[in-house]
Amino acid sequence: MTVTEETAAVSTLPPNSLEGSAGAYGSPTLSVQLKMLDAGLEAPSYAHPGDAGADLRAREDVVLEPGERRLVPTGVSIALPNGYVALIHPRSGLATKHGLTVVNAPGTVDAGYRGEIAVTLLNTDREKAIELRRGDRIAQMVIQRVEYAQFVAVAELSDSVRGDGGFGSTGGFAAPQA
């Protein structure tokens, strides 16, 4: 099957259109081709109905020392339809409990990419190594629609209330007391 045929085989589904899911909370609304590159791993899946992110798993055992980062394969490749992106986010429990994060969060999987999804993980803990085993859930994949912009050159931008106020322009933390 060619890439064009693969992309054509991916279809968007109207909400609640899958057999047996009429009205179900968190019902699939998009069909995405999935190729598992490792038959011993679980496919991406949602832990609970309505979850935005599908869990991705480590394809190999990994030990991340404090401050170490590593590209970890997931054994998953997908064919997204044009107009969609898969964003790879850290898992909140791993981030909170162990300091594990995704370096380029969110990672971007473009619609035209057909290779293995790999996740660049970073151990932010200053003292403890993080040990991940093959099959452990390491990140979550959120699939979203993409808007394609036409960039129009102008001499001046339209006004807004904020204007060009950038970092820290809305306040925040109080200054330390002397």
Protein backbone atom coordinates (compact mmCIF):
# COMPACT_ATOMS: atom_id res chain seq x y z
CA MET A 1 0.00 0.00 0.00
CA THR A 2 1.39 3.40 -0.92
CA VAL A 3 1.46 6.36 1.46
CA THR A 4 -1.35 7.96 -0.57
CA GLU A 5 -3.47 4.81 -0.23
CA GLU A 6 -2.65 4.62 3.49
CA THR A 7 -3.72 8.22 4.03
CA ALA A 8 -6.89 7.69 2.00
CA ALA A 9 -7.72 4.66 4.15
CA VAL A 10 -7.75 6.82 7.29
CA SER A 11 -11.19 8.26 7.83
CA THR A 12 -12.78 10.76 10.12
CA LEU A 13 -15.89 9.50 11.81
CA PRO A 14 -18.80 11.58 12.99
CA PRO A 15 -19.29 11.50 16.78
CA ASN A 16 -21.01 8.35 18.05
CA SER A 17 -20.79 6.65 14.64
CA LEU A 18 -18.92 3.50 15.67
CA GLU A 19 -21.01 0.40 16.09
CA GLY A 20 -21.98 -0.20 19.72
CA SER A 21 -20.84 3.22 20.91
CA ALA A 22 -23.91 5.35 20.33
CA GLY A 23 -23.84 8.13 22.89
CA ALA A 24 -20.87 6.70 24.79
CA TYR A 25 -18.69 9.25 26.60
CA GLY A 26 -15.26 9.38 24.96
CA SER A 27 -16.36 7.51 21.83
CA PRO A 28 -13.78 7.54 19.00
CA THR A 29 -14.32 10.30 16.44
CA LEU A 30 -11.29 9.57 14.24
CA SER A 31 -9.87 6.41 12.74
CA VAL A 32 -6.05 6.32 12.67
CA GLN A 33 -4.00 3.55 11.09
CA LEU A 34 -1.67 1.95 13.62
CA LYS A 35 1.34 -0.25 12.92
CA MET A 36 2.79 -2.00 15.95
CA LEU A 37 6.53 -2.51 15.41
CA ASP A 38 6.77 -4.80 18.43
CA ALA A 39 4.10 -7.47 18.85
CA GLY A 40 4.96 -7.83 22.54
CA LEU A 41 3.75 -4.33 23.46
CA GLU A 42 0.25 -3.03 24.09
CA ALA A 43 -1.12 -0.62 21.50
CA PRO A 44 -1.74 2.98 22.56
CA SER A 45 -4.88 3.13 24.68
CA TYR A 46 -6.94 5.48 26.79
CA ALA A 47 -7.01 4.62 30.50
CA HIS A 48 -10.51 6.06 31.06
CA PRO A 49 -13.43 7.12 28.87
CA GLY A 50 -13.02 10.77 27.94
CA ASP A 51 -9.23 10.86 28.49
CA ALA A 52 -7.50 13.12 25.97
CA GLY A 53 -4.21 11.22 25.92
CA ALA A 54 -3.56 7.63 24.85
CA ASP A 55 -0.71 5.99 26.76
CA LEU A 56 2.51 5.14 24.94
CA ARG A 57 4.84 2.47 26.33
CA ALA A 58 8.60 1.96 26.44
CA ARG A 59 9.90 -0.52 23.88
CA GLU A 60 13.02 -1.23 25.95
CA ASP A 61 14.31 -1.09 29.51
CA VAL A 62 15.84 2.30 30.36
CA VAL A 63 17.63 3.72 33.40
CA LEU A 64 17.80 7.51 33.47
CA GLU A 65 20.32 8.89 35.93
CA PRO A 66 19.65 12.29 37.56
CA GLY A 67 19.63 14.95 34.83
CA GLU A 68 19.97 12.38 32.03
CA ARG A 69 17.84 12.46 28.88
CA ARG A 70 17.28 9.66 26.39
CA LEU A 71 15.29 8.97 23.25
CA VAL A 72 13.00 6.03 24.09
CA PRO A 73 11.27 4.09 21.29
CA THR A 74 7.60 3.12 21.70
CA GLY A 75 7.16 0.42 19.03
CA VAL A 76 4.33 2.46 17.49
CA SER A 77 3.93 4.11 14.11
CA ILE A 78 0.77 5.77 12.87
CA ALA A 79 -0.71 7.34 9.74
CA LEU A 80 -2.58 10.50 10.66
CA PRO A 81 -4.89 12.08 8.11
CA ASN A 82 -3.92 15.48 6.71
CA GLY A 83 -5.10 18.20 9.09
CA TYR A 84 -4.20 16.31 12.29
CA VAL A 85 -1.19 16.18 14.61
CA ALA A 86 -0.26 13.87 17.48
CA LEU A 87 1.20 15.76 20.44
CA ILE A 88 3.32 13.80 22.91
CA HIS A 89 2.92 14.93 26.52
CA PRO A 90 4.47 13.82 29.82
CA ARG A 91 2.37 11.61 32.09
CA SER A 92 1.43 13.75 35.09
CA GLY A 93 1.95 11.01 37.69
CA LEU A 94 5.48 10.25 36.49
CA ALA A 95 6.28 13.96 36.37
CA THR A 96 4.97 14.62 39.88
CA LYS A 97 6.23 11.48 41.63
CA HIS A 98 9.53 10.91 39.82
CA GLY A 99 10.42 14.09 37.92
CA LEU A 100 10.15 12.37 34.54
CA THR A 101 9.25 14.72 31.69
CA VAL A 102 9.32 15.00 27.92
CA VAL A 103 12.12 17.37 26.91
CA ASN A 104 10.38 18.98 23.94
CA ALA A 105 6.89 18.82 25.44
CA PRO A 106 4.74 18.54 23.65
CA GLY A 107 6.55 16.52 21.01
CA THR A 108 5.03 16.81 17.55
CA VAL A 109 4.16 13.91 15.23
CA ASP A 110 3.19 15.39 11.86
CA ALA A 111 0.56 13.84 9.60
CA GLY A 112 3.15 12.86 6.99
CA TYR A 113 5.46 10.99 9.42
CA ARG A 114 5.34 7.19 9.20
CA GLY A 115 8.32 6.20 11.35
CA GLU A 116 8.44 4.91 14.91
CA ILE A 117 7.27 7.35 17.56
CA ALA A 118 10.06 7.87 20.06
CA VAL A 119 9.94 10.07 23.15
CA THR A 120 12.83 12.18 24.48
CA LEU A 121 12.57 11.66 28.25
CA LEU A 122 14.41 13.65 30.92
CA ASN A 123 14.93 12.74 34.56
CA THR A 124 14.66 16.06 36.41
CA ASP A 125 15.26 14.48 39.82
CA ARG A 126 18.59 15.68 41.25
CA GLU A 127 19.30 12.58 43.32
CA LYS A 128 17.47 9.45 42.14
CA ALA A 129 17.68 7.46 38.93
CA ILE A 130 14.44 6.46 37.22
CA GLU A 131 14.15 2.86 36.09
CA LEU A 132 11.68 2.16 33.29
CA ARG A 133 10.83 -1.34 32.13
CA ARG A 134 9.73 -2.47 28.70
CA GLY A 135 5.96 -1.98 28.54
CA ASP A 136 5.84 0.82 31.15
CA ARG A 137 3.63 3.76 30.22
CA ILE A 138 6.02 6.65 29.55
CA ALA A 139 4.04 9.39 27.79
CA GLN A 140 0.63 10.20 26.39
CA MET A 141 -0.36 11.00 22.83
CA VAL A 142 -3.06 13.61 22.19
CA ILE A 143 -4.42 13.84 18.64
CA GLN A 144 -5.74 17.23 17.54
CA ARG A 145 -6.90 19.05 14.44
CA VAL A 146 -4.46 21.51 12.89
CA GLU A 147 -5.18 24.87 11.32
CA TYR A 148 -2.95 25.88 8.42
CA ALA A 149 -2.22 29.60 8.40
CA GLN A 150 -1.66 31.84 5.44
CA PHE A 151 0.90 34.39 6.66
CA VAL A 152 0.07 37.84 5.31
CA ALA A 153 2.79 40.50 5.49
CA VAL A 154 1.56 43.85 6.85
CA ALA A 155 3.28 47.12 7.77
CA GLU A 156 1.55 47.27 11.18
CA LEU A 157 -0.37 44.75 13.28
CA SER A 158 -3.89 45.48 14.48
CA ASP A 159 -4.18 46.86 18.03
CA SER A 160 -5.08 44.75 21.06
CA VAL A 161 -5.56 45.43 24.77
CA ARG A 162 -2.31 43.63 25.61
CA GLY A 163 -0.22 45.16 22.85
CA ASP A 164 3.41 44.05 22.91
CA GLY A 165 3.51 43.30 26.67
CA GLY A 166 5.48 40.07 27.02
CA PHE A 167 7.04 38.02 29.77
CA GLY A 168 5.88 39.20 33.19
CA SER A 169 3.79 42.05 31.80
CA THR A 170 0.67 40.95 33.69
CA GLY A 171 2.34 40.76 37.10
CA GLY A 172 2.58 37.59 39.08
CA PHE A 173 4.76 36.95 42.07
CA ALA A 174 5.34 39.82 44.45
CA ALA A 175 8.85 41.22 44.66
CA PRO A 176 10.82 39.98 47.68
CA GLN A 177 10.60 42.23 50.73
CA ALA A 178 13.89 43.85 51.67
